[in-house]
Structures are given as structure tokens and as C-alpha cells.
Amino acid sequence: MKHRLHINLSRKWNPKQKAWIRWIAVWFASFMAVVIVVPGLLVRTPPGQESPPNRTRSADTAAARDTGDIATVPVYLDKEKKTVRLGLESYVRGVVAAEMPIEFELEALKAQAMAARTYIVRRLLDGDKTNVPQSSEALVTDTIVHQVFVSDEELKSRWGSDVYRTNMDKLNQAVEETKDLILTYQGVPIEASFFSTSNGYTENSEDYWSQSIPYLRSVASPWDASISPKYKETVSFKPQELQRKLGLSSAVPVSSGGANGFKIIEKSKGQRIKKLSVGGKMFSGREVREKLGLNSSQFQWAFKDGEWKITTFGYGHGVGMSQWGANGMAKEGRTAEQIVTYFYTGIQIDKASNLLKGKSF
């Protein structure tokens, strides 16, 4: 049986009953205050503090901020066809992992980290977006057009779980111990070019490119020949294939010494072929290298078993730091600072934060 409370408001109450009614009213009002008002006070923003912002920045950018990076780098991932924003040091780590074997000496990896950081800081300061898809907001791609970059996920796949942690610790050490360090010449980040393997010397910039750059001078790099697996290679071409690739009107004569054979006209200070004549046509060493897909512009040739055998020495354009040379120096006990100041003539080591401070990108 249900009971319903009914109060006759018109009846007269004695003083004791009125006191009870007043007590009940006060209790009920206090209860409602606790239920309704207090929760509102608990969720109010304290005085002097702003409400949490509506975060619209990407997770990559937020992560860069949280780890204290001085800049973020928008990178266009060529395979995924998308742009991601990475903290500066995270980007450098991915470049070092992609551009230099993790088995290299720590000091060589540190030298590579400084070169990689210098490259991207220079582009940040210049606002250089050359060779980046126009539809993208990126500053660089993850390909050899700029600097090759590899993600942590891909490194896990490449290295495997057994050595991933060990390799990553070494990689992180190389980046952390050079954090914020870049290479400058007269206060400006340098063109920190590098390549795999020298022929025994690096190249003056004007002997491969058109511009003479004061810190990209030819220096000896004797370490490469004994430790680099890419130091020497021989490739073969059928006579008709060589003719076609070089755009010649006729096949190159097999006999040596003729005017229409191979003939070196000039060599560079780095002992590479600067100019040569093939089939009566003039080429730069770089042109022949690129047309034939050779490893280097220092090469020799011979005709044997019905084919042209061309042997190259070194791997890459030869300008700047030789990576295998850097590893050879590190094996001899040289520091990263000694390595970069050897391969880049007259440079200084500076802090990127000094140049990036107060700038937005």
C-alpha cells in the first residue's frame, strides 16, 4: 500500500510544528545547493588561467613541441603521397639512418648528423621548396632529390626486433650528442654535400658543378680504397649500346689512340675526368657518368670479349664529405668535429638555435 504525503496549507500550525517545518525547508535548500552549485564550482577554470585550447595542430607538430625541438620540418613522403611534420631532431635521426650505415663508427654518424641538420636548417632559413610537389606544404621530400629519410616503423622492419633497440640507441646517441649543431661559413649554413666513396680525393665544387664554393675544396681521402666495398666497379657495354647512350653517329673504334676513340682532355684536381673525347665528340666527365650510369667520373676503359669494359673508382659526385672517408677517420680516432672541419674547408660549428631564434616557418 502506497502512502502519499499531503500537507494542508490552510490549516493552523502550533509553534512546535512551525519550527519543524522551518528546519525541513532549510535542510532541503542546503541539499539542493550541494547537488547543483558545487559541481559547477569544481569544473570552473581557476582565476588567472585560460581554458584549455582547442588543439588543431597535428600530432607530429605537437610531439616536436613537447620534445623541445627548435623547429618542425614538413616532409613529403613520396610513397604515401602525404606531408608529415617532424621535429628537427626526429627528422635528422631519420636522415642519418637512411643515408649512412648504422654499422659505421659513432663519430662518423655524428658527422653525418651535423651535415644533415645543416642541410635542412639552410632550407628552412631560405624558404627553399625546390623540387617539392606544388600541391604540398612540405619543404623537402624523403627521397634522394633532397635527403633520404626513413621512419622508425620502417627501421623496425629493416633491422628486425633483435637489433632494433641496440641500433636505435646508437642512432639516438649520434643525434643527441650533436643536438643543435650545424656547420657554417661566415655565419651562414653551408651547402653540406656528401657522397659515398671517394677515388682517393674529394672534388672542387666547380669541377662537378658550375659554382666555386670556398669550403668545398679538394682534399685527400685515402681511407676509402681499403674499406669501401663501392670503391671499384667494372661494367660492360655492347658497342651499339655505348654508341646509343652517348648519342654518337657511329660506334667507338676498338683500336686505341685514334682520334675517334676514348681520349682524356683534362683531369680535375680530384683526379677525376673533367673533359674527354669519345667518338670524336666532346663530353664532360660528369656527362659520361650520367649517360652511362657510372658510379664515378673517374674511370678507365678497355675493349674485351666484344664489349667495352669501364672500370670506375669511387662512388658519387665527389663533392664535400666522403662517408667512407669519414668512417675511416673515425676508425683512426678522429672526432666528428675533426671530420667535418677536414672535409669542409674553413667552416665553423655553430648552433642552429642561434639562427632560428624568433623565426617561424
Protein backbone atom coordinates (compact mmCIF):
# COMPACT_ATOMS: atom_id res chain seq x y z
CA MET A 1 0.00 0.00 0.00
CA LYS A 2 1.43 3.35 -1.04
CA HIS A 3 1.23 6.40 1.18
CA ARG A 4 1.06 9.91 -0.27
CA LEU A 5 2.26 12.89 1.75
CA HIS A 6 -0.32 15.62 1.75
CA ILE A 7 0.05 18.90 3.63
CA ASN A 8 -2.97 21.12 4.14
CA LEU A 9 -1.51 24.59 3.82
CA SER A 10 -4.68 26.23 5.02
CA ARG A 11 -4.67 24.65 8.49
CA LYS A 12 -3.20 26.41 11.51
CA TRP A 13 0.07 25.10 12.98
CA ASN A 14 1.22 25.32 16.57
CA PRO A 15 4.69 26.86 17.31
CA LYS A 16 6.41 23.49 17.62
CA GLN A 17 5.10 22.33 14.24
CA LYS A 18 6.16 25.62 12.60
CA ALA A 19 9.72 25.15 13.91
CA TRP A 20 9.88 21.67 12.37
CA ILE A 21 8.65 22.99 9.01
CA ARG A 22 11.29 25.75 9.01
CA TRP A 23 14.02 23.20 9.80
CA ILE A 24 12.91 20.95 6.92
CA ALA A 25 12.90 23.91 4.49
CA VAL A 26 16.44 24.93 5.46
CA TRP A 27 17.70 21.34 5.14
CA PHE A 28 16.13 20.95 1.68
CA ALA A 29 17.62 24.24 0.41
CA SER A 30 21.07 23.22 1.66
CA PHE A 31 20.80 19.82 -0.04
CA MET A 32 19.90 21.41 -3.38
CA ALA A 33 22.85 23.77 -3.11
CA VAL A 34 25.23 20.83 -2.69
CA VAL A 35 23.69 18.93 -5.63
CA ILE A 36 23.52 21.82 -8.11
CA VAL A 37 26.05 24.52 -7.21
CA VAL A 38 29.12 22.61 -6.01
CA PRO A 39 29.69 20.54 -9.23
CA GLY A 40 29.65 23.77 -11.20
CA LEU A 41 32.36 25.21 -8.95
CA LEU A 42 34.50 22.10 -9.37
CA VAL A 43 34.69 22.37 -13.18
CA ARG A 44 35.24 26.13 -13.34
CA THR A 45 38.62 27.37 -14.58
CA PRO A 46 40.57 28.87 -11.66
CA PRO A 47 41.11 32.66 -11.80
CA GLY A 48 44.12 33.71 -13.88
CA GLN A 49 44.11 30.57 -16.02
CA GLU A 50 42.83 30.14 -19.54
CA SER A 51 40.63 27.28 -20.62
CA PRO A 52 42.50 24.51 -22.47
CA PRO A 53 42.79 25.48 -26.14
CA ASN A 54 41.09 23.58 -28.90
CA ARG A 55 44.13 21.81 -30.34
CA THR A 56 44.19 21.68 -34.09
CA ARG A 57 47.91 21.15 -34.63
CA SER A 58 49.00 17.81 -35.97
CA ALA A 59 50.26 15.13 -33.63
CA ASP A 60 53.70 15.37 -35.23
CA THR A 61 53.94 19.11 -34.58
CA ALA A 62 52.72 18.71 -31.01
CA ALA A 63 55.29 15.99 -30.42
CA ALA A 64 58.02 18.26 -31.77
CA ARG A 65 56.97 20.97 -29.33
CA ASP A 66 56.87 18.58 -26.39
CA THR A 67 60.41 17.29 -27.06
CA GLY A 68 61.83 20.81 -27.20
CA ASP A 69 62.74 20.92 -30.90
CA ILE A 70 63.58 24.39 -32.12
CA ALA A 71 61.77 23.88 -35.42
CA THR A 72 59.49 21.49 -37.25
CA VAL A 73 60.17 20.15 -40.72
CA PRO A 74 57.32 19.41 -43.16
CA VAL A 75 58.40 16.33 -45.13
CA TYR A 76 56.64 14.97 -48.20
CA LEU A 77 56.54 11.17 -48.08
CA ASP A 78 56.79 10.15 -51.70
CA LYS A 79 55.28 6.67 -51.45
CA GLU A 80 52.38 7.71 -49.21
CA LYS A 81 51.80 10.95 -51.16
CA LYS A 82 51.32 12.95 -47.98
CA THR A 83 53.12 15.51 -45.83
CA VAL A 84 54.06 14.97 -42.19
CA ARG A 85 55.54 17.48 -39.76
CA LEU A 86 58.53 16.27 -37.79
CA GLY A 87 60.63 17.79 -35.05
CA LEU A 88 64.04 18.88 -36.31
CA GLU A 89 65.96 16.24 -34.38
CA SER A 90 63.49 13.48 -35.31
CA TYR A 91 64.00 14.41 -38.95
CA VAL A 92 67.79 14.37 -38.57
CA ARG A 93 67.62 10.92 -36.95
CA GLY A 94 65.63 9.55 -39.89
CA VAL A 95 68.08 11.03 -42.40
CA VAL A 96 71.18 9.67 -40.68
CA ALA A 97 69.57 6.22 -40.53
CA ALA A 98 68.76 6.36 -44.24
CA GLU A 99 71.97 7.93 -45.54
CA MET A 100 74.69 6.16 -43.53
CA PRO A 101 75.06 2.51 -42.46
CA ILE A 102 74.35 2.10 -38.74
CA GLU A 103 77.44 -0.13 -38.55
CA PHE A 104 79.64 2.94 -39.09
CA GLU A 105 81.65 4.38 -36.20
CA LEU A 106 79.75 6.67 -33.83
CA GLU A 107 81.88 9.71 -34.71
CA ALA A 108 81.13 9.22 -38.42
CA LEU A 109 77.40 9.05 -37.62
CA LYS A 110 77.73 12.26 -35.60
CA ALA A 111 79.44 13.97 -38.54
CA GLN A 112 76.57 12.84 -40.77
CA ALA A 113 74.06 14.20 -38.26
CA MET A 114 75.68 17.64 -38.36
CA ALA A 115 75.69 17.62 -42.16
CA ALA A 116 72.04 16.52 -42.33
CA ARG A 117 70.95 19.13 -39.79
CA THR A 118 72.85 21.83 -41.64
CA TYR A 119 71.15 20.94 -44.93
CA ILE A 120 67.63 21.29 -43.56
CA VAL A 121 68.34 24.41 -41.49
CA ARG A 122 69.69 26.07 -44.62
CA ARG A 123 66.46 25.25 -46.47
CA LEU A 124 64.36 26.46 -43.55
CA LEU A 125 66.14 29.81 -43.47
CA ASP A 126 65.99 30.22 -47.26
CA GLY A 127 62.38 29.02 -47.53
CA ASP A 128 63.70 26.74 -50.26
CA LYS A 129 60.96 24.48 -51.63
CA THR A 130 62.59 23.49 -54.90
CA ASN A 131 61.74 20.02 -56.24
CA VAL A 132 58.80 19.60 -53.86
CA PRO A 133 55.30 18.86 -55.26
CA GLN A 134 53.46 22.16 -55.71
CA SER A 135 50.33 20.81 -54.04
CA SER A 136 52.31 20.02 -50.90
CA GLU A 137 53.20 22.29 -47.98
CA ALA A 138 56.43 20.34 -47.49
CA LEU A 139 59.94 21.76 -47.50
CA VAL A 140 61.66 18.53 -48.59
CA THR A 141 60.82 15.06 -49.83
CA ASP A 142 62.08 11.83 -48.31
CA THR A 143 63.99 10.90 -51.49
CA ILE A 144 67.49 11.37 -52.91
CA VAL A 145 66.27 14.58 -54.54
CA HIS A 146 66.82 16.12 -51.09
CA GLN A 147 67.87 13.87 -48.22
CA VAL A 148 66.62 10.32 -47.89
CA PHE A 149 64.50 9.93 -44.75
CA VAL A 150 63.24 6.74 -43.11
CA SER A 151 60.66 6.40 -40.33
CA ASP A 152 61.09 4.47 -37.09
CA GLU A 153 58.50 1.96 -38.27
CA GLU A 154 60.49 1.21 -41.40
CA LEU A 155 63.69 0.87 -39.37
CA LYS A 156 62.00 -1.75 -37.21
CA SER A 157 61.17 -3.66 -40.37
CA ARG A 158 64.67 -3.29 -41.84
CA TRP A 159 66.68 -4.09 -38.75
CA GLY A 160 64.42 -6.64 -37.10
CA SER A 161 63.47 -6.81 -33.46
CA ASP A 162 66.74 -8.44 -32.37
CA VAL A 163 68.95 -5.43 -33.10
CA TYR A 164 66.43 -2.60 -33.37
CA ARG A 165 66.89 -1.34 -29.80
CA THR A 166 70.70 -1.51 -29.96
CA ASN A 167 70.83 0.26 -33.31
CA MET A 168 68.32 2.88 -32.21
CA ASP A 169 70.32 3.62 -29.07
CA LYS A 170 73.41 4.22 -31.21
CA LEU A 171 71.47 6.38 -33.65
CA ASN A 172 69.92 8.42 -30.85
CA GLN A 173 73.33 8.93 -29.29
CA ALA A 174 74.73 10.32 -32.57
CA VAL A 175 71.85 12.77 -32.86
CA GLU A 176 71.72 13.72 -29.17
CA GLU A 177 75.46 14.37 -28.87
CA THR A 178 75.30 16.78 -31.82
CA LYS A 179 71.91 18.30 -30.99
CA ASP A 180 71.52 21.84 -32.36
CA LEU A 181 74.95 21.77 -34.03
CA ILE A 182 75.31 22.89 -37.65
CA LEU A 183 78.15 23.79 -40.00
CA THR A 184 78.53 27.43 -41.05
CA TYR A 185 80.79 29.55 -43.21
CA GLN A 186 80.90 33.24 -42.35
CA GLY A 187 77.82 32.76 -40.20
CA VAL A 188 75.68 31.06 -42.88
CA PRO A 189 74.79 27.34 -43.01
CA ILE A 190 76.89 25.64 -45.64
CA GLU A 191 75.88 23.53 -48.61
CA ALA A 192 76.69 20.35 -46.71
CA SER A 193 77.02 17.99 -49.65
CA PHE A 194 78.25 14.46 -49.08
CA PHE A 195 78.71 11.28 -51.07
CA SER A 196 79.52 7.63 -50.52
CA THR A 197 83.09 6.87 -51.59
CA SER A 198 85.98 8.90 -52.94
CA ASN A 199 88.53 7.85 -55.52
CA GLY A 200 91.21 8.99 -53.09
CA TYR A 201 90.30 12.69 -53.26
CA THR A 202 87.24 14.85 -52.92
CA GLU A 203 86.36 17.27 -55.71
CA ASN A 204 86.38 21.04 -56.00
CA SER A 205 82.77 22.16 -56.37
CA GLU A 206 83.36 23.95 -59.68
CA ASP A 207 84.83 20.80 -61.22
CA TYR A 208 81.50 19.00 -60.89
CA TRP A 209 79.00 21.85 -60.58
CA SER A 210 79.32 25.30 -62.10
CA GLN A 211 79.87 27.28 -58.90
CA SER A 212 83.10 27.66 -56.93
CA ILE A 213 82.29 27.32 -53.22
CA PRO A 214 85.15 28.20 -50.84
CA TYR A 215 84.52 25.43 -48.30
CA LEU A 216 84.02 22.68 -50.91
CA ARG A 217 87.68 22.16 -51.80
CA SER A 218 89.50 19.03 -52.91
CA VAL A 219 91.19 17.13 -50.09
CA ALA A 220 92.82 13.72 -49.94
CA SER A 221 90.67 10.82 -48.70
CA PRO A 222 92.97 7.79 -48.63
CA TRP A 223 90.76 5.68 -46.37
CA ASP A 224 88.10 4.75 -48.95
CA ALA A 225 90.16 2.45 -51.14
CA SER A 226 90.81 -0.06 -48.38
CA ILE A 227 87.45 -0.09 -46.57
CA SER A 228 84.67 0.80 -49.02
CA PRO A 229 83.02 -2.04 -50.96
CA LYS A 230 81.98 0.55 -53.53
CA TYR A 231 85.47 1.80 -54.30
CA LYS A 232 85.88 -0.09 -57.59
CA GLU A 233 83.38 -1.49 -60.10
CA THR A 234 83.53 -2.69 -63.70
CA VAL A 235 80.51 -2.55 -66.02
CA SER A 236 80.16 -3.76 -69.61
CA PHE A 237 78.56 -2.21 -72.71
CA LYS A 238 77.96 -3.63 -76.16
CA PRO A 239 79.40 -1.33 -78.88
CA GLN A 240 75.92 -0.40 -80.13
CA GLU A 241 74.69 0.27 -76.61
CA LEU A 242 77.60 2.61 -75.87
CA GLN A 243 77.01 4.41 -79.16
CA ARG A 244 73.32 4.87 -78.40
CA LYS A 245 73.76 6.03 -74.80
CA LEU A 246 76.36 8.62 -75.79
CA GLY A 247 74.44 9.77 -78.84
CA LEU A 248 77.26 9.04 -81.29
CA SER A 249 76.84 8.79 -85.04
CA SER A 250 78.97 5.65 -85.23
CA ALA A 251 80.46 3.03 -82.97
CA VAL A 252 83.59 3.89 -80.99
CA PRO A 253 86.66 2.40 -82.71
CA VAL A 254 88.17 -0.52 -80.87
CA SER A 255 91.76 0.47 -81.64
CA SER A 256 93.33 2.72 -79.00
CA GLY A 257 94.93 6.06 -79.72
CA GLY A 258 92.67 7.03 -82.63
CA ALA A 259 91.02 10.43 -82.82
CA ASN A 260 87.57 8.84 -82.57
CA GLY A 261 88.34 6.62 -79.59
CA PHE A 262 88.33 7.49 -75.88
CA LYS A 263 90.69 10.36 -75.12
CA ILE A 264 91.10 12.30 -71.87
CA ILE A 265 91.40 16.04 -72.44
CA GLU A 266 91.55 17.34 -68.88
CA LYS A 267 91.52 16.00 -65.32
CA SER A 268 90.26 17.76 -62.20
CA LYS A 269 92.23 18.43 -59.03
CA GLY A 270 90.34 15.50 -57.52
CA GLN A 271 91.83 13.22 -60.22
CA ARG A 272 88.51 12.68 -61.99
CA ILE A 273 87.93 13.15 -65.70
CA LYS A 274 86.89 16.72 -66.33
CA LYS A 275 86.80 16.63 -70.14
CA LEU A 276 87.17 13.82 -72.66
CA SER A 277 86.51 12.99 -76.27
CA VAL A 278 84.59 9.87 -77.29
CA GLY A 279 83.94 9.02 -80.91
CA GLY A 280 85.15 12.50 -81.87
CA LYS A 281 82.56 14.15 -79.62
CA MET A 282 83.42 16.24 -76.54
CA PHE A 283 81.94 15.44 -73.14
CA SER A 284 82.47 16.40 -69.53
CA GLY A 285 83.29 13.53 -67.22
CA ARG A 286 80.01 14.18 -65.45
CA GLU A 287 78.07 13.85 -68.71
CA VAL A 288 79.58 10.45 -69.49
CA ARG A 289 78.99 9.31 -65.93
CA GLU A 290 75.32 10.27 -66.07
CA LYS A 291 74.67 8.99 -69.59
CA LEU A 292 76.21 5.60 -68.84
CA GLY A 293 75.02 5.39 -65.23
CA LEU A 294 78.56 5.07 -63.87
CA ASN A 295 79.45 5.21 -60.18
CA SER A 296 82.07 7.89 -60.65
CA SER A 297 83.59 10.29 -63.14
CA GLN A 298 86.99 8.71 -62.65
CA PHE A 299 87.04 5.70 -64.94
CA GLN A 300 89.19 3.59 -67.25
CA TRP A 301 88.12 1.62 -70.31
CA ALA A 302 89.15 -1.43 -72.30
CA PHE A 303 87.62 -3.47 -75.12
CA LYS A 304 87.48 -7.16 -74.30
CA ASP A 305 85.40 -10.12 -75.46
CA GLY A 306 83.34 -7.95 -77.79
CA GLU A 307 82.37 -5.43 -75.10
CA TRP A 308 83.58 -2.16 -73.63
CA LYS A 309 84.65 -2.69 -70.02
CA ILE A 310 84.55 0.51 -67.99
CA THR A 311 86.03 0.48 -64.51
CA THR A 312 85.12 3.23 -62.06
CA PHE A 313 86.86 4.35 -58.87
CA GLY A 314 84.77 5.83 -56.09
CA TYR A 315 81.01 6.24 -55.82
CA GLY A 316 79.16 9.55 -56.07
CA HIS A 317 79.81 13.08 -57.25
CA GLY A 318 82.86 13.51 -55.01
CA VAL A 319 81.98 16.96 -53.58
CA GLY A 320 82.02 17.52 -49.82
CA MET A 321 82.29 14.78 -47.20
CA SER A 322 83.13 11.24 -48.20
CA GLN A 323 81.08 8.98 -45.93
CA TRP A 324 83.50 6.07 -46.13
CA GLY A 325 86.35 8.52 -45.66
CA ALA A 326 84.61 9.84 -42.55
CA ASN A 327 84.30 6.29 -41.24
CA GLY A 328 87.99 5.69 -41.93
CA MET A 329 88.89 8.83 -39.98
CA ALA A 330 86.66 7.73 -37.09
CA LYS A 331 88.37 4.33 -37.03
CA GLU A 332 91.66 6.18 -36.55
CA GLY A 333 90.23 8.00 -33.52
CA ARG A 334 89.21 11.30 -35.11
CA THR A 335 86.21 13.11 -33.65
CA ALA A 336 83.14 14.22 -35.54
CA GLU A 337 84.34 17.83 -35.26
CA GLN A 338 87.69 16.89 -36.79
CA ILE A 339 85.95 15.00 -39.59
CA VAL A 340 83.65 17.82 -40.69
CA THR A 341 86.32 20.52 -40.45
CA TYR A 342 88.59 18.35 -42.60
CA PHE A 343 86.14 17.72 -45.42
CA TYR A 344 84.57 21.21 -45.32
CA THR A 345 87.43 23.72 -45.55
CA GLY A 346 87.40 26.74 -43.23
CA ILE A 347 84.00 26.14 -41.66
CA GLN A 348 82.80 26.73 -38.09
CA ILE A 349 80.48 24.68 -35.90
CA ASP A 350 77.56 26.79 -34.68
CA LYS A 351 74.17 26.33 -33.03
CA ALA A 352 71.08 26.18 -35.20
CA SER A 353 69.08 27.85 -32.44
CA ASN A 354 71.18 30.99 -32.84
CA LEU A 355 69.97 31.32 -36.43
CA LEU A 356 66.41 30.04 -36.00
CA LYS A 357 65.57 32.00 -32.84
CA GLY A 358 62.50 34.19 -33.25
CA LYS A 359 61.66 32.86 -36.70
CA SER A 360 58.51 31.00 -37.68
CA PHE A 361 58.18 28.54 -40.55
